[in-house]
C-alpha atoms as a PDB file:
ATOM      1  CA  MET A   1     -17.548 -14.306  -4.599  1.00  0.00           C
ATOM      2  CA  SER A   2     -13.980 -15.533  -4.685  1.00  0.00           C
ATOM      3  CA  ILE A   3     -11.877 -14.864  -7.760  1.00  0.00           C
ATOM      4  CA  HIS A   4      -8.160 -15.521  -8.177  1.00  0.00           C
ATOM      5  CA  MET A   5      -5.440 -15.171 -10.763  1.00  0.00           C
ATOM      6  CA  HIS A   6      -3.430 -18.359 -10.496  1.00  0.00           C
ATOM      7  CA  MET A   7       0.082 -18.545 -11.940  1.00  0.00           C
ATOM      8  CA  ARG A   8       2.055 -21.748 -12.378  1.00  0.00           C
ATOM      9  CA  ALA A   9       5.679 -22.033 -13.492  1.00  0.00           C
ATOM     10  CA  VAL A  10       6.240 -24.925 -15.873  1.00  0.00           C
ATOM     11  CA  ALA A  11       8.929 -26.086 -18.259  1.00  0.00           C
ATOM     12  CA  GLU A  12       7.937 -24.844 -21.709  1.00  0.00           C
ATOM     13  CA  PRO A  13       8.292 -28.250 -23.423  1.00  0.00           C
ATOM     14  CA  GLU A  14       5.659 -29.632 -21.023  1.00  0.00           C
ATOM     15  CA  ILE A  15       3.037 -27.100 -22.145  1.00  0.00           C
ATOM     16  CA  ARG A  16       0.522 -28.028 -24.784  1.00  0.00           C
ATOM     17  CA  ASP A  17      -0.865 -25.058 -26.640  1.00  0.00           C
ATOM     18  CA  ASP A  18      -4.361 -26.436 -26.253  1.00  0.00           C
ATOM     19  CA  HIS A  19      -6.940 -24.684 -24.093  1.00  0.00           C
ATOM     20  CA  ALA A  20      -8.663 -27.869 -22.855  1.00  0.00           C
ATOM     21  CA  TRP A  21      -5.347 -29.494 -21.908  1.00  0.00           C
ATOM     22  CA  LEU A  22      -4.071 -26.350 -20.190  1.00  0.00           C
ATOM     23  CA  ALA A  23      -7.360 -25.885 -18.319  1.00  0.00           C
ATOM     24  CA  ALA A  24      -7.114 -29.452 -16.988  1.00  0.00           C
ATOM     25  CA  PHE A  25      -3.444 -28.905 -16.085  1.00  0.00           C
ATOM     26  CA  MET A  26      -4.250 -25.679 -14.249  1.00  0.00           C
ATOM     27  CA  ARG A  27      -7.283 -27.244 -12.516  1.00  0.00           C
ATOM     28  CA  THR A  28      -5.008 -29.964 -11.094  1.00  0.00           C
ATOM     29  CA  ALA A  29      -2.426 -27.335 -10.156  1.00  0.00           C
ATOM     30  CA  TRP A  30      -5.141 -25.304  -8.382  1.00  0.00           C
ATOM     31  CA  GLU A  31      -6.208 -28.384  -6.420  1.00  0.00           C
ATOM     32  CA  ASN A  32      -2.552 -28.772  -5.368  1.00  0.00           C
ATOM     33  CA  HIS A  33      -2.016 -25.045  -4.883  1.00  0.00           C
ATOM     34  CA  PRO A  34      -0.951 -25.087  -1.211  1.00  0.00           C
ATOM     35  CA  ALA A  35       1.852 -27.579  -1.906  1.00  0.00           C
ATOM     36  CA  GLU A  36       2.865 -25.878  -5.158  1.00  0.00           C
ATOM     37  CA  TYR A  37       2.790 -22.450  -3.488  1.00  0.00           C
ATOM     38  CA  ALA A  38       5.045 -23.772  -0.725  1.00  0.00           C
ATOM     39  CA  ALA A  39       7.380 -25.253  -3.365  1.00  0.00           C
ATOM     40  CA  GLY A  40       7.653 -21.848  -5.074  1.00  0.00           C
ATOM     41  CA  ILE A  41       6.207 -23.012  -8.409  1.00  0.00           C
ATOM     42  CA  ALA A  42       2.812 -21.353  -8.005  1.00  0.00           C
ATOM     43  CA  ALA A  43       1.477 -17.949  -7.082  1.00  0.00           C
ATOM     44  CA  SER A  44      -1.971 -16.482  -6.804  1.00  0.00           C
ATOM     45  CA  LEU A  45      -3.532 -13.108  -6.295  1.00  0.00           C
ATOM     46  CA  ASP A  46      -7.065 -12.598  -5.114  1.00  0.00           C
ATOM     47  CA  LYS A  47      -9.265 -10.026  -6.800  1.00  0.00           C
ATOM     48  CA  VAL A  48      -6.624  -7.283  -6.347  1.00  0.00           C
ATOM     49  CA  TRP A  49      -4.439  -8.338  -9.291  1.00  0.00           C
ATOM     50  CA  GLY A  50      -5.698  -5.390 -11.356  1.00  0.00           C
ATOM     51  CA  ALA A  51      -4.623  -3.019  -8.597  1.00  0.00           C
ATOM     52  CA  VAL A  52      -1.207  -4.742  -8.400  1.00  0.00           C
ATOM     53  CA  ASN A  53      -0.932  -4.148 -12.144  1.00  0.00           C
ATOM     54  CA  ASP A  54      -1.803  -0.471 -11.527  1.00  0.00           C
ATOM     55  CA  LEU A  55       1.019  -0.306  -8.978  1.00  0.00           C
ATOM     56  CA  TYR A  56       3.465  -1.656 -11.566  1.00  0.00           C
ATOM     57  CA  ALA A  57       2.158   0.768 -14.195  1.00  0.00           C
ATOM     58  CA  ALA A  58       3.646   3.542 -12.049  1.00  0.00           C
ATOM     59  CA  ALA A  59       7.029   2.428 -13.430  1.00  0.00           C
ATOM     60  CA  GLU A  60       6.285   4.454 -16.559  1.00  0.00           C
ATOM     61  CA  ALA A  61       6.402   7.615 -14.449  1.00  0.00           C
ATOM     62  CA  LEU A  62       9.772   6.566 -13.026  1.00  0.00           C
ATOM     63  CA  ASP A  63      11.476   6.487 -16.447  1.00  0.00           C
ATOM     64  CA  ALA A  64      13.085   3.160 -15.634  1.00  0.00           C
ATOM     65  CA  ASP A  65      15.224   1.547 -18.350  1.00  0.00           C
ATOM     66  CA  ASP A  66      12.859  -1.406 -18.533  1.00  0.00           C
ATOM     67  CA  ALA A  67       9.676   0.561 -17.890  1.00  0.00           C
ATOM     68  CA  LYS A  68       7.636  -1.433 -20.415  1.00  0.00           C
ATOM     69  CA  SER A  69       8.429  -4.642 -18.527  1.00  0.00           C
ATOM     70  CA  TRP A  70       5.901  -3.532 -15.897  1.00  0.00           C
ATOM     71  CA  GLU A  71       3.202  -5.061 -18.125  1.00  0.00           C
ATOM     72  CA  LEU A  72       4.602  -8.600 -17.814  1.00  0.00           C
ATOM     73  CA  PRO A  73       4.053  -9.803 -14.213  1.00  0.00           C
ATOM     74  CA  ILE A  74       0.234  -9.617 -14.258  1.00  0.00           C
ATOM     75  CA  TYR A  75      -1.047  -9.504 -17.846  1.00  0.00           C
ATOM     76  CA  GLY A  76       2.030 -10.333 -19.923  1.00  0.00           C
ATOM     77  CA  GLY A  77       2.168 -13.089 -22.478  1.00  0.00           C
ATOM     78  CA  ARG A  78      -0.404 -14.336 -24.899  1.00  0.00           C
ATOM     79  CA  PRO A  79      -3.920 -15.604 -24.367  1.00  0.00           C
ATOM     80  CA  VAL A  80      -4.746 -19.210 -25.175  1.00  0.00           C
ATOM     81  CA  ALA A  81      -7.869 -19.307 -27.311  1.00  0.00           C
ATOM     82  CA  HIS A  82     -10.770 -21.570 -26.410  1.00  0.00           C
ATOM     83  CA  SER A  83     -11.278 -24.317 -28.940  1.00  0.00           C
ATOM     84  CA  ALA A  84     -14.686 -24.887 -30.516  1.00  0.00           C
ATOM     85  CA  ASP A  85     -15.285 -27.879 -28.232  1.00  0.00           C
ATOM     86  CA  ALA A  86     -13.962 -26.223 -25.059  1.00  0.00           C
ATOM     87  CA  ASP A  87     -15.897 -26.411 -21.835  1.00  0.00           C
ATOM     88  CA  PRO A  88     -17.468 -22.943 -21.359  1.00  0.00           C
ATOM     89  CA  SER A  89     -16.635 -23.135 -17.651  1.00  0.00           C
ATOM     90  CA  ASP A  90     -12.898 -23.368 -18.393  1.00  0.00           C
ATOM     91  CA  PRO A  91     -11.017 -20.311 -17.168  1.00  0.00           C
ATOM     92  CA  PRO A  92      -9.331 -17.661 -19.309  1.00  0.00           C
ATOM     93  CA  LEU A  93      -5.716 -18.761 -19.805  1.00  0.00           C
ATOM     94  CA  GLY A  94      -2.466 -17.128 -20.829  1.00  0.00           C
ATOM     95  CA  ILE A  95       1.164 -18.146 -21.282  1.00  0.00           C
ATOM     96  CA  LEU A  96       4.230 -15.989 -20.650  1.00  0.00           C
ATOM     97  CA  ASP A  97       7.215 -17.581 -22.389  1.00  0.00           C
ATOM     98  CA  PRO A  98      10.610 -17.984 -20.645  1.00  0.00           C
ATOM     99  CA  PRO A  99      12.150 -14.768 -22.083  1.00  0.00           C
ATOM    100  CA  GLY A 100       9.102 -12.839 -20.845  1.00  0.00           C
ATOM    101  CA  VAL A 101       9.390 -14.509 -17.441  1.00  0.00           C
ATOM    102  CA  SER A 102      13.035 -13.400 -17.286  1.00  0.00           C
ATOM    103  CA  GLN A 103      12.053  -9.828 -18.199  1.00  0.00           C
ATOM    104  CA  ALA A 104       9.317  -9.860 -15.541  1.00  0.00           C
ATOM    105  CA  ALA A 105      11.786 -11.194 -12.959  1.00  0.00           C
ATOM    106  CA  ASP A 106      14.349  -8.525 -13.881  1.00  0.00           C
ATOM    107  CA  PHE A 107      11.720  -5.798 -13.609  1.00  0.00           C
ATOM    108  CA  LEU A 108      10.494  -7.017 -10.220  1.00  0.00           C
ATOM    109  CA  ALA A 109      14.052  -7.349  -8.902  1.00  0.00           C
ATOM    110  CA  SER A 110      15.099  -3.877 -10.030  1.00  0.00           C
ATOM    111  CA  VAL A 111      12.052  -1.697  -9.446  1.00  0.00           C
ATOM    112  CA  SER A 112      11.745   0.108  -6.130  1.00  0.00           C
ATOM    113  CA  PHE A 113       8.504  -0.754  -4.360  1.00  0.00           C
ATOM    114  CA  ASP A 114       8.774   2.476  -2.365  1.00  0.00           C
ATOM    115  CA  GLU A 115       9.052   4.554  -5.543  1.00  0.00           C
ATOM    116  CA  LEU A 116       6.100   2.739  -7.105  1.00  0.00           C
ATOM    117  CA  TRP A 117       4.071   3.287  -3.947  1.00  0.00           C
ATOM    118  CA  ASN A 118       4.993   6.983  -3.876  1.00  0.00           C
ATOM    119  CA  VAL A 119       3.587   7.364  -7.400  1.00  0.00           C
ATOM    120  CA  ALA A 120       0.531   5.098  -7.204  1.00  0.00           C
ATOM    121  CA  GLY A 121      -0.177   4.342  -3.557  1.00  0.00           C
ATOM    122  CA  ALA A 122      -2.740   7.079  -2.964  1.00  0.00           C
ATOM    123  CA  GLN A 123      -4.928   5.630  -5.732  1.00  0.00           C
ATOM    124  CA  LEU A 124      -4.674   2.116  -4.290  1.00  0.00           C
ATOM    125  CA  VAL A 125      -5.847   2.826  -0.747  1.00  0.00           C
ATOM    126  CA  TRP A 126      -9.526   2.002  -0.640  1.00  0.00           C
ATOM    127  CA  SER A 127     -11.868   4.331   1.164  1.00  0.00           C
ATOM    128  CA  GLY A 128     -12.007   3.546   4.855  1.00  0.00           C
ATOM    129  CA  TRP A 129      -8.887   1.357   4.793  1.00  0.00           C
ATOM    130  CA  ASP A 130      -5.728   1.991   6.765  1.00  0.00           C
ATOM    131  CA  GLU A 131      -2.972   3.092   4.373  1.00  0.00           C
ATOM    132  CA  ALA A 132      -0.246   1.220   6.238  1.00  0.00           C
ATOM    133  CA  GLN A 133      -2.274  -2.001   6.079  1.00  0.00           C
ATOM    134  CA  VAL A 134      -2.955  -1.634   2.342  1.00  0.00           C
ATOM    135  CA  ARG A 135       0.686  -0.750   1.663  1.00  0.00           C
ATOM    136  CA  GLN A 136       1.788  -3.885   3.515  1.00  0.00           C
ATOM    137  CA  GLU A 137      -0.635  -6.027   1.510  1.00  0.00           C
ATOM    138  CA  PHE A 138       0.810  -4.702  -1.756  1.00  0.00           C
ATOM    139  CA  LEU A 139       4.364  -5.112  -0.492  1.00  0.00           C
ATOM    140  CA  ASP A 140       3.594  -8.739   0.394  1.00  0.00           C
ATOM    141  CA  HIS A 141       2.192  -9.345  -3.105  1.00  0.00           C
ATOM    142  CA  HIS A 142       5.238  -7.663  -4.649  1.00  0.00           C
ATOM    143  CA  ARG A 143       7.706  -9.738  -2.627  1.00  0.00           C
ATOM    144  CA  HIS A 144       5.893 -12.949  -3.438  1.00  0.00           C
ATOM    145  CA  LEU A 145       5.845 -12.126  -7.151  1.00  0.00           C
ATOM    146  CA  GLN A 146       9.557 -11.250  -6.989  1.00  0.00           C
ATOM    147  CA  ASP A 147      10.316 -14.666  -5.494  1.00  0.00           C
ATOM    148  CA  PHE A 148       7.985 -16.556  -7.832  1.00  0.00           C
ATOM    149  CA  TYR A 149       9.215 -14.948 -11.047  1.00  0.00           C
ATOM    150  CA  GLY A 150      12.831 -15.098  -9.872  1.00  0.00           C
ATOM    151  CA  ARG A 151      12.594 -18.860  -9.334  1.00  0.00           C
ATOM    152  CA  ALA A 152      10.751 -19.400 -12.619  1.00  0.00           C
ATOM    153  CA  ALA A 153      13.320 -17.354 -14.552  1.00  0.00           C
ATOM    154  CA  THR A 154      16.249 -19.165 -12.926  1.00  0.00           C
ATOM    155  CA  ALA A 155      14.692 -22.487 -13.933  1.00  0.00           C
ATOM    156  CA  GLY A 156      14.026 -21.243 -17.478  1.00  0.00           C
ATOM    157  CA  HIS A 157      10.295 -21.851 -17.060  1.00  0.00           C
ATOM    158  CA  ALA A 158       7.259 -20.316 -18.687  1.00  0.00           C
ATOM    159  CA  VAL A 159       4.325 -19.106 -16.567  1.00  0.00           C
ATOM    160  CA  VAL A 160       0.770 -20.221 -17.259  1.00  0.00           C
ATOM    161  CA  ARG A 161      -2.054 -18.076 -15.877  1.00  0.00           C
ATOM    162  CA  ALA A 162      -5.680 -18.937 -15.149  1.00  0.00           C
ATOM    163  CA  VAL A 163      -8.446 -16.833 -13.658  1.00  0.00           C
ATOM    164  CA  TRP A 164     -10.693 -18.823 -11.345  1.00  0.00           C
ATOM    165  CA  ALA A 165     -14.104 -17.574 -10.297  1.00  0.00           C
END
């Protein structure tokens, strides 16, 4: 089974705080994901997004100035409630507003991946997997999220999230 967290940067005035509208918007964005990913306005994580969040949670142990900002890149923002007439197959959705996107970008730009890995890496290496390979996978996710949130923050955009199964 394939499951992804899909993130899309979008100008806040273009967002309708309506689950059905956002689900349709994100469905179209998902269909255009390769082009949007290449343009730097979309990101996605496969089923490991919870583990990426666990990596960022290690920031609390580092006593960083913005340690609480670790919560923003993966689960930050607010959920968008399903309306009574919503399609039950619509994905869970969330919106991180532009100030939150800026905080997430600042956190990702300032936190040391190596320090995070030193704190949390041992818990993230799955049994039977090569540690160097897993570390590289997480580093790739981290770098992509740094770029994505950095671009979104520079543009003053919000980030909409959907979970596709």
